[in-house]
């Protein structure tokens, strides 16, 4: 079993703690009432702070657009923003998700607080540029906050274009993603040799391989970390079905299994934002609550791992 503690250097640890402390001190006069309740973490390359819980759109926002479904998703977005959410992650790979998000945000509701994160997922410079132009149009924004290279696809071609767009102000941050463990070695090499603002990969209470290299490397390189698949694509809920939360989870202000799994991830000091996906208001509200209240320390995280492993 991999120890859930990160093996970070003293320099990177102190840097992270210092940045987090500065963020907390600045929070009262920069945040709305809703946002002041949710933990924020800084983007290392800029100091801009993001809520630790964002929203993914894979599968959940790839819909046909009928009135009932759109109405339900509009309520999900409203719950997200009302809970202090900002970062919404999407991709051309997710079917109609970008277009659905853009349509639902067309009324400007929440747009001033929106942090758009999407991806380029194709081969070749020309197709990559065309795809990013479509993403801007579909999301209905003038500038993409974060453009990521999806699953390392043709990254050597796309990265120079992303840098050009960032210099021109068309995107604010650049990043790269994977959701496959088999790509960790290649991703680690990219993080060592390229200048990036963000990296996105999978990490959860059962899949902790990112603790070996990716999380410490992101800390050392000053790269913000987005976490996908926090619930192991739903398998964690299957595992805990029929089981009550341990009584000691109240010590970290935890009231559901979703919060249990998300708080485990958020408690890692190198994680900037976790992006669970849902199409239900009650689940969105539950997810966002994971960013509020006490978080587990190292001993509690080990206890959480042991508890889930024993189920």
Protein backbone atom coordinates (compact mmCIF):
# COMPACT_ATOMS: atom_id res chain seq x y z
CA UNK A 1 0.00 0.00 0.00
CA UNK A 2 1.22 3.47 -0.85
CA UNK A 3 1.34 5.83 2.12
CA UNK A 4 -1.13 8.66 1.48
CA UNK A 5 1.38 11.23 2.70
CA UNK A 6 3.26 13.05 -0.02
CA UNK A 7 7.04 12.80 0.04
CA UNK A 8 7.67 16.43 -0.74
CA UNK A 9 10.76 18.49 -0.19
CA UNK A 10 10.96 20.94 2.71
CA UNK A 11 11.17 23.80 0.23
CA UNK A 12 8.00 22.86 -1.67
CA UNK A 13 6.08 22.14 1.53
CA UNK A 14 6.91 25.49 3.10
CA UNK A 15 6.11 27.26 -0.14
CA UNK A 16 2.69 25.64 -0.31
CA UNK A 17 1.88 26.42 3.32
CA UNK A 18 2.96 30.02 2.86
CA UNK A 19 0.80 30.45 -0.23
CA UNK A 20 -2.22 28.90 1.51
CA UNK A 21 -1.76 31.15 4.53
CA UNK A 22 -1.60 34.24 2.32
CA UNK A 23 -4.78 33.13 0.54
CA UNK A 24 -6.66 32.76 3.82
CA UNK A 25 -5.53 36.17 5.04
CA UNK A 26 -6.68 37.83 1.84
CA UNK A 27 -10.03 36.03 1.65
CA UNK A 28 -12.31 38.29 3.77
CA UNK A 29 -12.16 41.39 1.57
CA UNK A 30 -11.95 39.68 -1.82
CA UNK A 31 -14.68 37.04 -1.63
CA UNK A 32 -18.47 36.98 -1.65
CA UNK A 33 -20.34 35.58 1.35
CA UNK A 34 -20.75 32.22 -0.40
CA UNK A 35 -17.12 31.97 -1.51
CA UNK A 36 -15.76 32.85 1.92
CA UNK A 37 -17.11 29.56 3.25
CA UNK A 38 -15.27 27.29 0.82
CA UNK A 39 -11.55 26.64 0.98
CA UNK A 40 -9.48 28.28 -1.76
CA UNK A 41 -6.04 27.38 -3.00
CA UNK A 42 -3.66 29.46 -5.12
CA UNK A 43 -2.56 28.74 -8.67
CA UNK A 44 1.23 28.69 -8.17
CA UNK A 45 2.08 30.51 -11.41
CA UNK A 46 -0.13 33.52 -10.62
CA UNK A 47 -1.40 33.46 -7.04
CA UNK A 48 -5.01 33.56 -8.24
CA UNK A 49 -7.14 31.45 -5.91
CA UNK A 50 -9.71 28.82 -6.84
CA UNK A 51 -12.27 26.95 -4.75
CA UNK A 52 -11.02 23.44 -4.01
CA UNK A 53 -14.16 21.87 -5.49
CA UNK A 54 -14.98 22.43 -9.16
CA UNK A 55 -17.23 20.64 -11.62
CA UNK A 56 -16.56 18.12 -14.36
CA UNK A 57 -18.90 17.66 -17.33
CA UNK A 58 -17.92 14.27 -18.76
CA UNK A 59 -21.10 12.26 -19.46
CA UNK A 60 -23.28 14.42 -17.20
CA UNK A 61 -23.54 17.40 -19.60
CA UNK A 62 -23.42 15.39 -22.84
CA UNK A 63 -27.18 15.58 -23.37
CA UNK A 64 -29.61 16.17 -26.24
CA UNK A 65 -30.91 19.46 -24.89
CA UNK A 66 -34.58 18.73 -24.18
CA UNK A 67 -36.29 21.25 -21.92
CA UNK A 68 -36.57 18.97 -18.89
CA UNK A 69 -32.92 17.92 -18.94
CA UNK A 70 -31.68 21.44 -19.56
CA UNK A 71 -33.81 22.72 -16.71
CA UNK A 72 -32.30 20.13 -14.38
CA UNK A 73 -28.75 21.01 -15.42
CA UNK A 74 -29.49 24.71 -15.01
CA UNK A 75 -30.38 23.99 -11.39
CA UNK A 76 -27.11 22.04 -11.01
CA UNK A 77 -25.15 25.06 -12.25
CA UNK A 78 -27.09 27.37 -9.95
CA UNK A 79 -26.29 25.15 -6.95
CA UNK A 80 -22.64 25.12 -8.03
CA UNK A 81 -22.32 28.90 -8.17
CA UNK A 82 -24.41 29.43 -5.04
CA UNK A 83 -21.98 27.16 -3.17
CA UNK A 84 -19.00 29.26 -4.27
CA UNK A 85 -17.97 27.14 -7.28
CA UNK A 86 -15.97 28.61 -10.17
CA UNK A 87 -14.03 26.07 -12.24
CA UNK A 88 -16.00 24.06 -14.82
CA UNK A 89 -13.95 21.51 -16.76
CA UNK A 90 -15.00 20.24 -20.18
CA UNK A 91 -13.63 18.91 -23.48
CA UNK A 92 -14.59 18.38 -27.13
CA UNK A 93 -14.29 14.68 -26.21
CA UNK A 94 -17.39 15.05 -24.02
CA UNK A 95 -19.85 15.34 -26.90
CA UNK A 96 -22.26 18.25 -26.44
CA UNK A 97 -20.98 19.22 -22.96
CA UNK A 98 -19.27 22.46 -24.03
CA UNK A 99 -22.34 23.61 -25.97
CA UNK A 100 -24.70 22.74 -23.12
CA UNK A 101 -22.60 24.66 -20.59
CA UNK A 102 -22.42 27.64 -22.95
CA UNK A 103 -26.17 27.64 -23.58
CA UNK A 104 -27.02 27.40 -19.90
CA UNK A 105 -24.65 30.26 -19.07
CA UNK A 106 -25.96 32.42 -21.89
CA UNK A 107 -28.02 34.52 -19.49
CA UNK A 108 -24.80 35.66 -17.76
CA UNK A 109 -25.87 33.87 -14.54
CA UNK A 110 -22.61 33.09 -12.80
CA UNK A 111 -20.44 34.10 -15.77
CA UNK A 112 -18.57 36.75 -13.84
CA UNK A 113 -17.31 34.05 -11.46
CA UNK A 114 -16.85 31.29 -14.06
CA UNK A 115 -13.40 29.80 -14.60
CA UNK A 116 -13.55 27.90 -17.91
CA UNK A 117 -11.31 24.88 -18.36
CA UNK A 118 -11.46 22.86 -21.54
CA UNK A 119 -9.11 20.90 -23.78
CA UNK A 120 -7.69 20.37 -27.23
CA UNK A 121 -8.18 16.78 -28.32
CA UNK A 122 -7.10 16.21 -31.92
CA UNK A 123 -4.00 15.85 -34.09
CA UNK A 124 -2.22 18.60 -36.00
CA UNK A 125 -1.81 22.34 -35.59
CA UNK A 126 -4.59 23.36 -38.00
CA UNK A 127 -7.19 21.00 -36.52
CA UNK A 128 -6.12 21.95 -33.01
CA UNK A 129 -6.63 25.66 -33.67
CA UNK A 130 -10.01 25.00 -35.30
CA UNK A 131 -11.11 22.89 -32.36
CA UNK A 132 -10.10 25.55 -29.82
CA UNK A 133 -11.98 28.19 -31.82
CA UNK A 134 -15.10 25.99 -31.65
CA UNK A 135 -14.67 25.59 -27.90
CA UNK A 136 -14.63 29.36 -27.42
CA UNK A 137 -17.78 29.65 -29.53
CA UNK A 138 -19.57 26.80 -27.79
CA UNK A 139 -18.76 28.01 -24.29
CA UNK A 140 -19.78 31.54 -25.21
CA UNK A 141 -16.74 33.25 -23.73
CA UNK A 142 -14.17 35.63 -25.13
CA UNK A 143 -11.21 34.07 -23.31
CA UNK A 144 -10.66 30.51 -22.10
CA UNK A 145 -9.23 30.55 -18.60
CA UNK A 146 -7.46 27.19 -18.94
CA UNK A 147 -6.74 25.26 -22.14
CA UNK A 148 -5.37 21.77 -21.58
CA UNK A 149 -3.94 19.15 -23.92
CA UNK A 150 -6.24 16.19 -23.45
CA UNK A 151 -4.59 12.85 -22.60
CA UNK A 152 -1.23 14.08 -23.97
CA UNK A 153 -2.60 13.86 -27.52
CA UNK A 154 -0.13 15.37 -30.02
CA UNK A 155 1.18 17.55 -27.20
CA UNK A 156 4.40 18.56 -28.94
CA UNK A 157 2.32 20.17 -31.71
CA UNK A 158 -0.27 21.82 -29.48
CA UNK A 159 1.92 23.21 -26.70
CA UNK A 160 3.60 25.93 -28.83
CA UNK A 161 0.14 27.01 -30.06
CA UNK A 162 -1.17 27.23 -26.50
CA UNK A 163 1.80 29.41 -25.60
CA UNK A 164 1.08 31.67 -28.58
CA UNK A 165 -2.57 31.99 -27.55
CA UNK A 166 -1.61 32.73 -23.96
CA UNK A 167 0.75 35.49 -25.09
CA UNK A 168 -2.07 36.97 -27.21
CA UNK A 169 -4.51 36.82 -24.29
CA UNK A 170 -6.86 34.28 -25.83
CA UNK A 171 -6.23 31.85 -22.99
CA UNK A 172 -4.99 32.62 -19.48
CA UNK A 173 -3.39 29.33 -18.40
CA UNK A 174 -2.10 26.22 -20.15
CA UNK A 175 -2.08 22.65 -18.96
CA UNK A 176 -2.00 18.97 -19.84
CA UNK A 177 -4.10 16.02 -18.69
CA UNK A 178 -4.36 12.28 -18.43
CA UNK A 179 -6.85 9.88 -16.90
CA UNK A 180 -4.73 6.81 -17.62
CA UNK A 181 -2.10 5.39 -15.29
CA UNK A 182 -0.15 4.06 -18.25
CA UNK A 183 0.68 7.66 -19.22
CA UNK A 184 2.16 8.67 -15.87
CA UNK A 185 5.79 8.21 -16.92
CA UNK A 186 5.33 10.26 -20.09
CA UNK A 187 3.42 12.92 -18.16
CA UNK A 188 6.13 13.09 -15.49
CA UNK A 189 8.76 13.71 -18.16
CA UNK A 190 6.68 16.55 -19.62
CA UNK A 191 6.26 18.14 -16.19
CA UNK A 192 10.02 18.01 -15.67
CA UNK A 193 10.92 19.64 -18.98
CA UNK A 194 8.05 21.99 -19.93
CA UNK A 195 6.64 25.13 -18.31
CA UNK A 196 2.95 24.59 -17.51
CA UNK A 197 0.39 26.25 -15.26
CA UNK A 198 -1.81 23.19 -14.65
CA UNK A 199 -1.74 19.42 -14.76
CA UNK A 200 -4.78 17.16 -14.45
CA UNK A 201 -4.81 13.46 -13.55
CA UNK A 202 -6.75 10.82 -11.59
CA UNK A 203 -6.37 10.47 -7.84
CA UNK A 204 -8.67 9.06 -5.19
CA UNK A 205 -8.68 7.06 -1.97
CA UNK A 206 -8.14 3.79 -3.85
CA UNK A 207 -6.05 4.94 -6.81
CA UNK A 208 -3.14 6.70 -5.09
CA UNK A 209 -0.36 6.07 -7.61
CA UNK A 210 -0.12 9.83 -8.24
CA UNK A 211 1.47 10.15 -4.80
CA UNK A 212 4.60 8.39 -6.05
CA UNK A 213 5.73 10.97 -8.60
CA UNK A 214 3.08 13.27 -10.04
CA UNK A 215 1.99 15.11 -6.90
CA UNK A 216 5.53 15.69 -5.56
CA UNK A 217 6.67 16.73 -9.04
CA UNK A 218 3.82 19.23 -9.40
CA UNK A 219 4.81 20.67 -6.01
CA UNK A 220 8.46 21.04 -7.01
CA UNK A 221 7.63 22.55 -10.41
CA UNK A 222 4.99 24.97 -9.10
CA UNK A 223 2.13 23.52 -11.16
CA UNK A 224 -1.53 23.66 -10.12
CA UNK A 225 -3.23 20.25 -9.86
CA UNK A 226 -6.74 19.32 -11.01
CA UNK A 227 -8.04 15.89 -9.95
CA UNK A 228 -10.40 13.81 -12.08
CA UNK A 229 -12.19 10.54 -11.27
CA UNK A 230 -12.41 11.27 -7.52
CA UNK A 231 -15.01 8.53 -7.08
CA UNK A 232 -13.17 5.97 -9.27
CA UNK A 233 -15.97 6.32 -11.86
CA UNK A 234 -18.56 5.44 -9.23
CA UNK A 235 -16.97 2.22 -8.02
CA UNK A 236 -16.27 3.72 -4.58
CA UNK A 237 -20.00 4.17 -4.02
CA UNK A 238 -20.64 0.56 -5.02
CA UNK A 239 -18.06 -0.51 -2.46
CA UNK A 240 -19.58 1.53 0.36
CA UNK A 241 -23.23 0.78 -0.45
CA UNK A 242 -25.00 -0.43 2.65
CA UNK A 243 -22.23 0.78 4.94
CA UNK A 244 -22.63 3.66 7.37
CA UNK A 245 -20.01 6.37 7.63
CA UNK A 246 -17.68 5.74 10.56
CA UNK A 247 -18.64 7.82 13.58
CA UNK A 248 -15.20 9.45 13.63
CA UNK A 249 -15.83 11.08 10.22
CA UNK A 250 -17.72 13.77 12.14
CA UNK A 251 -14.32 14.98 13.33
CA UNK A 252 -13.71 16.32 9.81
CA UNK A 253 -17.23 17.71 9.31
CA UNK A 254 -18.05 14.85 6.95
CA UNK A 255 -21.69 13.90 6.40
CA UNK A 256 -21.69 11.63 3.34
CA UNK A 257 -19.50 9.14 1.51
CA UNK A 258 -19.03 11.69 -1.30
CA UNK A 259 -17.63 14.19 1.18
CA UNK A 260 -15.48 11.44 2.73
CA UNK A 261 -13.85 10.70 -0.63
CA UNK A 262 -13.52 14.35 -1.66
CA UNK A 263 -12.11 15.52 1.68
CA UNK A 264 -9.45 12.81 1.44
CA UNK A 265 -8.31 14.33 -1.87
CA UNK A 266 -8.69 17.99 -0.88
CA UNK A 267 -6.63 17.40 2.27
CA UNK A 268 -3.58 16.75 0.12
CA UNK A 269 -1.87 20.19 0.16
CA UNK A 270 -0.74 19.99 -3.47
CA UNK A 271 -4.25 19.47 -4.87
CA UNK A 272 -5.64 22.74 -6.21
CA UNK A 273 -9.13 21.62 -7.25
CA UNK A 274 -11.05 18.36 -7.57
CA UNK A 275 -13.68 18.14 -10.35
CA UNK A 276 -16.46 15.63 -9.63
CA UNK A 277 -19.23 15.43 -12.23
CA UNK A 278 -22.94 15.19 -11.49
CA UNK A 279 -26.29 15.94 -13.08
CA UNK A 280 -28.24 16.06 -9.79
CA UNK A 281 -28.67 19.12 -7.59
CA UNK A 282 -28.52 17.18 -4.33
CA UNK A 283 -25.22 15.59 -5.37
CA UNK A 284 -23.79 18.95 -6.42
CA UNK A 285 -24.70 20.49 -3.06
CA UNK A 286 -23.21 17.48 -1.28
CA UNK A 287 -19.99 17.65 -3.32
CA UNK A 288 -19.50 21.35 -2.70
CA UNK A 289 -19.89 20.89 1.05
CA UNK A 290 -16.66 18.86 0.99
CA UNK A 291 -14.78 22.12 0.56
CA UNK A 292 -16.15 23.52 3.81
CA UNK A 293 -15.11 22.73 7.38
CA UNK A 294 -12.30 20.64 8.80
CA UNK A 295 -10.06 18.42 6.69
CA UNK A 296 -8.26 15.23 7.72
CA UNK A 297 -4.65 15.39 8.83
CA UNK A 298 -2.10 12.74 7.82
CA UNK A 299 -3.11 10.30 10.55
CA UNK A 300 -6.79 10.66 9.70
CA UNK A 301 -6.07 10.12 5.99
CA UNK A 302 -4.33 6.84 6.83
CA UNK A 303 -7.32 5.87 8.92
CA UNK A 304 -9.65 6.66 6.02
CA UNK A 305 -7.62 4.52 3.64
CA UNK A 306 -7.61 1.61 6.06
CA UNK A 307 -11.36 1.87 6.65
CA UNK A 308 -12.26 1.83 2.95
CA UNK A 309 -9.76 -0.97 2.24
CA UNK A 310 -11.45 -3.13 4.89
CA UNK A 311 -14.93 -2.86 3.38
